[in-house]
Amino acid sequence: MRNPIYLAGRVVQASGESLYEPVRISISCGGQAIPQVYTDARGRFSFQPKCRPLLALADASVRSFSLSSGFGQGLTTATGTANLGGCELFAELPGHWSTRVRLGLVTAPARNEVGLIILSPLDNSTGRSVSVSTLAAPREAKKAYWNGLRALRKTRPDFRKAATLFERSVEIYPEHAPAWAALGEARTALEETDRAKEAFARSIQSDPNLLQPYDAMIRIAAKDRDWEQLASLAVEYLKLAPGSSRVRFYSAVAAWKLGDIPRTESTIKQMEEFGEMDDWPMSYILMALVQERRADFETAADHYERYIEISVDAEMSSLARRAIYDWGHLQVIEPRPVTLARAAQPE
């Protein structure tokens, strides 16, 4: 018999203000945020993790990777414990950065309390996480909007009910940007992607400074591997919130996928300057790929080694070790001590 694993905690703002919108809780186990659940009205959350995080960025080789989110079944255990060492839990609210809770050994069937996650505004952000259009909305539009948010905040969100309520809100007040954005989120969860995009576009039209619709469309573009759209959205988002390391990383990935090597390198160098690379370990892989393309194998090996040092992704780390070993064997770099997986060792 397998028992489910549950994680629980609470999100608060550093300012002490109440959360105005539901906040998405995500897990990262190697660089990419895997969305899990929304907070309730008091910022609380409790959920069974659903993800395949260690494979989230890996393709068949170090030279190619994707941003597919890899949702799977909820985490269960037959032994009563599970090891989430190397994984981090954090909150995602556009225009804010979150403290991260490093996970470790978790148990079942009890809830594993992770404590507080604190949100703070990004520096130099002109984008908003709350729209002034909500203040101007008629009472009935606000009521439908807030009832829709309650449907999203349930332990098991009712996305169909939420979508209906958000549709009612924008029908009453077509300029209600947060309701359009929330409608897009509900439609995304219902796998109505084209209709979700329409809602996000209406949100941006109503309030170009609201970050939520850009954030959601970035996630859709990454999932769909629409690299041109991802690159364009990342540019617009970073104009509004230049402190977003996550979107900067997505921008670098899009540039690499589009074959824009100079932009890939300049974006990763920005991340290095801001001290963001360790938060996004795959940025070291990207920089290694750039240096490999330029035949600077020593520098590429340095970046692979740093990735191996901080990443928990055994598969990608094994591929990085293989590259370092092969370069040493071919004498394009000075041989370095690396441990290969048994299956990868030459005969």
Protein backbone atom coordinates (compact mmCIF):
# COMPACT_ATOMS: atom_id res chain seq x y z
CA MET A 1 0.00 0.00 0.00
CA ARG A 2 1.29 3.44 -0.94
CA ASN A 3 0.57 6.52 1.16
CA PRO A 4 0.32 10.07 -0.24
CA ILE A 5 2.85 12.76 0.70
CA TYR A 6 1.47 16.19 1.62
CA LEU A 7 3.25 19.54 1.99
CA ALA A 8 1.68 22.47 3.84
CA GLY A 9 2.63 26.02 4.76
CA ARG A 10 1.71 29.68 4.38
CA VAL A 11 2.68 32.61 2.16
CA VAL A 12 3.00 36.14 3.60
CA GLN A 13 4.13 39.48 2.22
CA ALA A 14 7.21 41.10 3.72
CA SER A 15 5.19 44.32 4.10
CA GLY A 16 2.67 42.53 6.32
CA GLU A 17 -0.17 43.33 3.91
CA SER A 18 -2.76 40.69 3.11
CA LEU A 19 -2.51 38.80 -0.16
CA TYR A 20 -4.91 40.33 -2.65
CA GLU A 21 -4.74 37.50 -5.20
CA PRO A 22 -4.24 33.73 -4.97
CA VAL A 23 -0.53 32.91 -5.14
CA ARG A 24 0.79 29.95 -7.08
CA ILE A 25 3.03 27.49 -5.19
CA SER A 26 5.73 25.77 -7.25
CA ILE A 27 8.52 23.24 -6.82
CA SER A 28 11.93 23.28 -8.48
CA CYS A 29 14.25 20.26 -8.51
CA GLY A 30 16.81 21.32 -11.08
CA GLY A 31 15.95 24.74 -12.37
CA GLN A 32 12.36 24.89 -13.63
CA ALA A 33 9.30 25.94 -11.67
CA ILE A 34 6.66 23.19 -11.68
CA PRO A 35 3.28 24.72 -10.63
CA GLN A 36 1.45 22.81 -7.89
CA VAL A 37 -1.43 24.65 -6.19
CA TYR A 38 -2.85 28.10 -5.25
CA THR A 39 -3.01 29.59 -1.77
CA ASP A 40 -6.31 30.21 -0.01
CA ALA A 41 -7.56 33.61 1.17
CA ARG A 42 -5.17 33.56 4.15
CA GLY A 43 -2.17 32.52 2.12
CA ARG A 44 -2.28 28.90 3.31
CA PHE A 45 -1.63 25.87 1.13
CA SER A 46 -1.66 22.08 1.44
CA PHE A 47 -1.10 19.73 -1.48
CA GLN A 48 0.23 16.45 -2.76
CA PRO A 49 3.23 17.24 -5.02
CA LYS A 50 2.64 16.40 -8.67
CA CYS A 51 5.69 16.59 -10.92
CA ARG A 52 8.53 14.76 -12.58
CA PRO A 53 11.03 17.49 -11.74
CA LEU A 54 14.36 15.80 -12.45
CA LEU A 55 13.39 15.16 -16.08
CA ALA A 56 11.75 18.53 -16.59
CA LEU A 57 14.59 20.06 -18.60
CA ALA A 58 16.39 17.04 -19.99
CA ASP A 59 16.25 15.72 -23.54
CA ALA A 60 18.49 13.03 -24.91
CA SER A 61 21.72 14.97 -24.55
CA VAL A 62 23.37 17.97 -22.94
CA ARG A 63 23.18 19.70 -26.29
CA SER A 64 19.39 19.96 -26.33
CA PHE A 65 16.78 20.52 -23.63
CA SER A 66 13.18 21.61 -23.27
CA LEU A 67 10.94 23.46 -20.84
CA SER A 68 8.11 20.93 -20.64
CA SER A 69 6.55 20.96 -17.19
CA GLY A 70 6.11 17.22 -16.80
CA PHE A 71 3.11 16.95 -14.52
CA GLY A 72 2.56 13.45 -13.19
CA GLN A 73 0.76 11.60 -10.42
CA GLY A 74 0.84 12.86 -6.86
CA LEU A 75 3.84 11.80 -4.82
CA THR A 76 3.30 8.60 -2.81
CA THR A 77 5.53 6.30 -0.77
CA ALA A 78 5.44 2.65 0.23
CA THR A 79 8.08 3.08 2.95
CA GLY A 80 6.53 6.01 4.83
CA THR A 81 9.22 8.48 3.70
CA ALA A 82 10.39 10.14 0.47
CA ASN A 83 13.56 12.12 -0.22
CA LEU A 84 13.04 15.53 -1.83
CA GLY A 85 16.59 16.61 -1.07
CA GLY A 86 17.74 19.27 -3.54
CA CYS A 87 14.16 20.37 -4.32
CA GLU A 88 12.87 23.80 -3.35
CA LEU A 89 9.38 25.09 -2.64
CA PHE A 90 8.51 28.71 -3.38
CA ALA A 91 5.69 31.09 -4.29
CA GLU A 92 5.13 32.74 -7.66
CA LEU A 93 3.47 36.16 -7.82
CA PRO A 94 4.30 38.39 -10.80
CA GLY A 95 6.47 41.35 -9.81
CA HIS A 96 7.73 39.65 -6.62
CA TRP A 97 10.54 37.40 -5.49
CA SER A 98 10.04 34.59 -3.03
CA THR A 99 12.08 33.02 -0.29
CA ARG A 100 12.72 29.33 -0.99
CA VAL A 101 12.22 26.40 1.32
CA ARG A 102 14.74 23.63 0.68
CA LEU A 103 13.02 20.29 1.06
CA GLY A 104 14.49 17.08 2.40
CA LEU A 105 13.09 13.90 3.88
CA VAL A 106 9.26 13.98 3.97
CA THR A 107 6.89 11.50 5.59
CA ALA A 108 3.43 10.03 5.07
CA PRO A 109 0.61 10.16 5.89
CA ALA A 110 1.16 13.24 8.12
CA ARG A 111 1.26 16.75 6.62
CA ASN A 112 4.82 18.05 6.27
CA GLU A 113 4.81 21.65 7.48
CA VAL A 114 7.33 23.79 5.57
CA GLY A 115 6.66 27.04 7.46
CA LEU A 116 6.45 30.54 5.98
CA ILE A 117 7.28 31.62 2.45
CA ILE A 118 7.85 35.39 2.21
CA LEU A 119 7.12 37.52 -0.87
CA SER A 120 8.85 40.85 -1.56
CA PRO A 121 8.46 43.26 -4.53
CA LEU A 122 11.12 43.11 -7.24
CA ASP A 123 13.43 46.11 -7.46
CA ASN A 124 12.73 48.69 -10.18
CA SER A 125 9.45 47.04 -11.17
CA THR A 126 6.91 49.24 -12.96
CA GLY A 127 4.57 46.32 -13.58
CA ARG A 128 1.70 45.64 -11.23
CA SER A 129 0.39 42.49 -9.58
CA VAL A 130 -2.88 44.33 -8.75
CA SER A 131 -4.78 46.30 -11.38
CA VAL A 132 -6.48 49.64 -10.84
CA SER A 133 -9.27 48.36 -13.08
CA THR A 134 -10.55 46.30 -10.14
CA LEU A 135 -11.19 49.49 -8.18
CA ALA A 136 -13.33 50.85 -11.01
CA ALA A 137 -15.30 47.64 -11.51
CA PRO A 138 -19.01 47.66 -10.55
CA ARG A 139 -20.00 45.79 -7.40
CA GLU A 140 -21.51 42.81 -9.26
CA ALA A 141 -18.38 42.41 -11.41
CA LYS A 142 -16.20 42.39 -8.29
CA LYS A 143 -18.49 39.87 -6.61
CA ALA A 144 -18.31 37.46 -9.54
CA TYR A 145 -14.52 37.91 -9.68
CA TRP A 146 -14.00 37.18 -5.98
CA ASN A 147 -16.33 34.17 -6.09
CA GLY A 148 -14.27 32.89 -9.01
CA LEU A 149 -11.09 33.30 -6.96
CA ARG A 150 -12.69 31.30 -4.14
CA ALA A 151 -13.37 28.50 -6.60
CA LEU A 152 -9.67 28.56 -7.55
CA ARG A 153 -8.53 28.55 -3.93
CA LYS A 154 -10.26 25.31 -3.02
CA THR A 155 -8.13 22.27 -2.19
CA ARG A 156 -9.55 20.83 -5.38
CA PRO A 157 -10.08 23.91 -7.57
CA ASP A 158 -13.33 24.05 -9.55
CA PHE A 159 -11.94 25.54 -12.77
CA ARG A 160 -15.22 25.26 -14.70
CA LYS A 161 -17.14 27.17 -12.02
CA ALA A 162 -14.34 29.73 -11.79
CA ALA A 163 -14.34 30.26 -15.56
CA THR A 164 -18.10 30.84 -15.55
CA LEU A 165 -17.80 33.42 -12.77
CA PHE A 166 -14.91 35.25 -14.44
CA GLU A 167 -16.88 35.31 -17.70
CA ARG A 168 -19.74 36.91 -15.77
CA SER A 169 -17.35 39.51 -14.33
CA VAL A 170 -15.96 40.60 -17.72
CA GLU A 171 -19.43 40.56 -19.24
CA ILE A 172 -20.49 43.15 -16.66
CA TYR A 173 -17.23 45.11 -16.89
CA PRO A 174 -15.18 44.36 -20.06
CA GLU A 175 -12.20 46.42 -18.83
CA HIS A 176 -11.65 44.24 -15.73
CA ALA A 177 -8.06 43.15 -16.48
CA PRO A 178 -7.54 40.78 -13.49
CA ALA A 179 -10.80 38.98 -14.29
CA TRP A 180 -9.65 38.44 -17.88
CA ALA A 181 -6.30 37.14 -16.59
CA ALA A 182 -7.99 34.84 -14.08
CA LEU A 183 -10.32 33.61 -16.84
CA GLY A 184 -7.24 32.77 -18.87
CA GLU A 185 -5.80 30.80 -15.95
CA ALA A 186 -9.03 28.84 -15.54
CA ARG A 187 -9.23 28.10 -19.26
CA THR A 188 -5.60 27.00 -19.25
CA ALA A 189 -6.38 24.51 -16.49
CA LEU A 190 -9.34 23.30 -18.58
CA GLU A 191 -6.92 22.83 -21.51
CA GLU A 192 -8.73 25.47 -23.57
CA THR A 193 -5.44 27.02 -24.62
CA ASP A 194 -6.62 29.15 -27.56
CA ARG A 195 -9.47 30.66 -25.51
CA ALA A 196 -7.04 31.20 -22.64
CA LYS A 197 -4.72 33.18 -24.92
CA GLU A 198 -7.66 35.33 -26.01
CA ALA A 199 -8.46 36.11 -22.37
CA PHE A 200 -4.84 36.98 -21.56
CA ALA A 201 -4.67 39.25 -24.61
CA ARG A 202 -7.82 41.08 -23.44
CA SER A 203 -6.25 41.47 -20.00
CA ILE A 204 -3.13 43.07 -21.48
CA GLN A 205 -5.30 45.32 -23.64
CA SER A 206 -7.22 46.49 -20.56
CA ASP A 207 -4.11 47.04 -18.40
CA PRO A 208 -0.71 46.81 -20.19
CA ASN A 209 1.13 47.04 -16.87
CA LEU A 210 -0.54 44.06 -15.21
CA LEU A 211 2.08 41.30 -15.01
CA GLN A 212 -0.18 38.28 -14.53
CA PRO A 213 -1.23 37.77 -18.18
CA TYR A 214 2.35 38.12 -19.45
CA ASP A 215 3.48 35.58 -16.85
CA ALA A 216 0.79 33.10 -17.88
CA MET A 217 1.47 33.48 -21.60
CA ILE A 218 5.18 32.95 -20.97
CA ARG A 219 4.36 29.62 -19.32
CA ILE A 220 2.16 28.63 -22.27
CA ALA A 221 4.83 29.60 -24.81
CA ALA A 222 7.46 27.60 -22.90
CA LYS A 223 5.21 24.55 -22.70
CA ASP A 224 4.37 24.81 -26.42
CA ARG A 225 8.03 25.45 -27.32
CA ASP A 226 6.98 28.57 -29.19
CA TRP A 227 10.41 30.16 -28.90
CA GLU A 228 9.68 33.31 -30.89
CA GLN A 229 6.63 34.05 -28.74
CA LEU A 230 8.58 33.26 -25.58
CA ALA A 231 11.39 35.62 -26.59
CA SER A 232 8.93 38.42 -27.39
CA LEU A 233 6.96 38.01 -24.16
CA ALA A 234 10.14 37.86 -22.08
CA VAL A 235 11.26 41.21 -23.52
CA GLU A 236 7.94 42.83 -22.62
CA TYR A 237 7.90 41.30 -19.13
CA LEU A 238 11.45 42.39 -18.34
CA LYS A 239 10.60 45.96 -19.32
CA LEU A 240 7.99 45.91 -16.56
CA ALA A 241 9.89 43.74 -14.04
CA PRO A 242 13.64 43.77 -14.82
CA GLY A 243 14.39 41.94 -11.58
CA SER A 244 12.76 38.67 -12.67
CA SER A 245 15.51 36.02 -12.85
CA ARG A 246 13.01 33.38 -13.96
CA VAL A 247 11.94 35.35 -17.04
CA ARG A 248 15.56 36.25 -17.76
CA PHE A 249 16.37 32.53 -17.80
CA TYR A 250 13.43 31.85 -20.13
CA SER A 251 14.72 34.63 -22.37
CA ALA A 252 18.11 32.93 -22.57
CA VAL A 253 16.51 29.58 -23.43
CA ALA A 254 14.42 31.17 -26.19
CA ALA A 255 17.49 32.90 -27.63
CA TRP A 256 19.41 29.61 -27.68
CA LYS A 257 16.54 27.75 -29.33
CA LEU A 258 16.32 30.49 -31.98
CA GLY A 259 20.04 30.23 -32.67
CA ASP A 260 20.83 33.70 -31.30
CA ILE A 261 24.15 32.89 -29.62
CA PRO A 262 25.15 36.50 -28.76
CA ARG A 263 21.80 37.15 -27.04
CA THR A 264 22.01 33.85 -25.17
CA GLU A 265 25.46 34.73 -23.87
CA SER A 266 24.61 38.32 -22.96
CA THR A 267 21.49 37.22 -21.07
CA ILE A 268 23.35 34.56 -19.08
CA LYS A 269 26.10 37.08 -18.32
CA GLN A 270 23.40 39.36 -16.90
CA MET A 271 22.27 36.50 -14.68
CA GLU A 272 25.86 35.97 -13.57
CA GLU A 273 26.25 39.69 -12.80
CA PHE A 274 23.07 39.65 -10.70
CA GLY A 275 24.05 36.44 -8.89
CA GLU A 276 21.10 34.50 -10.34
CA MET A 277 22.75 31.50 -12.01
CA ASP A 278 22.78 29.23 -8.96
CA ASP A 279 18.99 29.68 -8.70
CA TRP A 280 18.68 28.39 -12.27
CA PRO A 281 21.30 25.61 -12.61
CA MET A 282 20.44 25.03 -16.28
CA SER A 283 21.90 28.47 -17.00
CA TYR A 284 25.34 26.85 -16.55
CA ILE A 285 24.41 24.27 -19.18
CA LEU A 286 23.35 27.05 -21.54
CA MET A 287 26.63 28.92 -21.07
CA ALA A 288 28.59 25.70 -21.55
CA LEU A 289 26.75 25.12 -24.82
CA VAL A 290 27.61 28.66 -25.97
CA GLN A 291 31.31 28.17 -25.15
CA GLU A 292 31.29 24.72 -26.77
CA ARG A 293 29.88 26.28 -29.95
CA ARG A 294 32.87 28.66 -29.90
CA ALA A 295 35.31 25.80 -29.29
CA ASP A 296 36.23 27.23 -25.87
CA PHE A 297 36.09 23.79 -24.28
CA GLU A 298 37.97 24.72 -21.09
CA THR A 299 35.41 27.39 -20.18
CA ALA A 300 32.57 25.08 -21.20
CA ALA A 301 33.97 22.39 -18.89
CA ASP A 302 34.12 24.94 -16.05
CA HIS A 303 30.39 25.61 -16.45
CA TYR A 304 29.56 21.92 -16.67
CA GLU A 305 31.50 21.34 -13.45
CA ARG A 306 29.57 24.07 -11.66
CA TYR A 307 26.30 22.55 -12.85
CA ILE A 308 27.36 19.13 -11.55
CA GLU A 309 28.27 20.71 -8.20
CA ILE A 310 24.88 22.35 -7.54
CA SER A 311 22.34 20.30 -9.51
CA VAL A 312 20.32 17.31 -8.29
CA ASP A 313 19.53 16.15 -11.83
CA ALA A 314 21.54 12.93 -12.04
CA GLU A 315 20.78 12.36 -15.72
CA MET A 316 21.91 15.77 -16.91
CA SER A 317 24.92 15.69 -14.58
CA SER A 318 25.94 12.35 -16.07
CA LEU A 319 25.80 13.82 -19.56
CA ALA A 320 27.88 16.80 -18.46
CA ARG A 321 30.48 14.47 -16.95
CA ARG A 322 30.54 12.51 -20.19
CA ALA A 323 31.29 15.69 -22.17
CA ILE A 324 34.15 16.64 -19.83
CA TYR A 325 35.60 13.13 -20.02
CA ASP A 326 35.36 13.01 -23.84
CA TRP A 327 37.06 16.38 -24.25
CA GLY A 328 39.91 15.28 -22.01
CA HIS A 329 40.21 11.99 -23.91
CA LEU A 330 40.33 13.92 -27.21
CA GLN A 331 42.91 16.29 -25.68
CA VAL A 332 40.91 19.43 -26.43
CA ILE A 333 41.13 20.23 -22.70
CA GLU A 334 43.47 19.15 -19.93
CA PRO A 335 42.05 15.88 -18.55
CA ARG A 336 39.91 16.44 -15.45
CA PRO A 337 38.91 13.92 -12.77
CA VAL A 338 35.29 12.93 -13.44
CA THR A 339 33.27 9.94 -12.32
CA LEU A 340 31.17 8.42 -15.07
CA ALA A 341 28.08 6.30 -14.55
CA ARG A 342 28.92 2.63 -15.06
CA ALA A 343 26.91 2.42 -18.26
CA ALA A 344 28.72 5.45 -19.67
CA GLN A 345 32.27 4.18 -19.00
CA PRO A 346 34.22 3.12 -22.09
CA GLU A 347 35.29 -0.51 -22.42
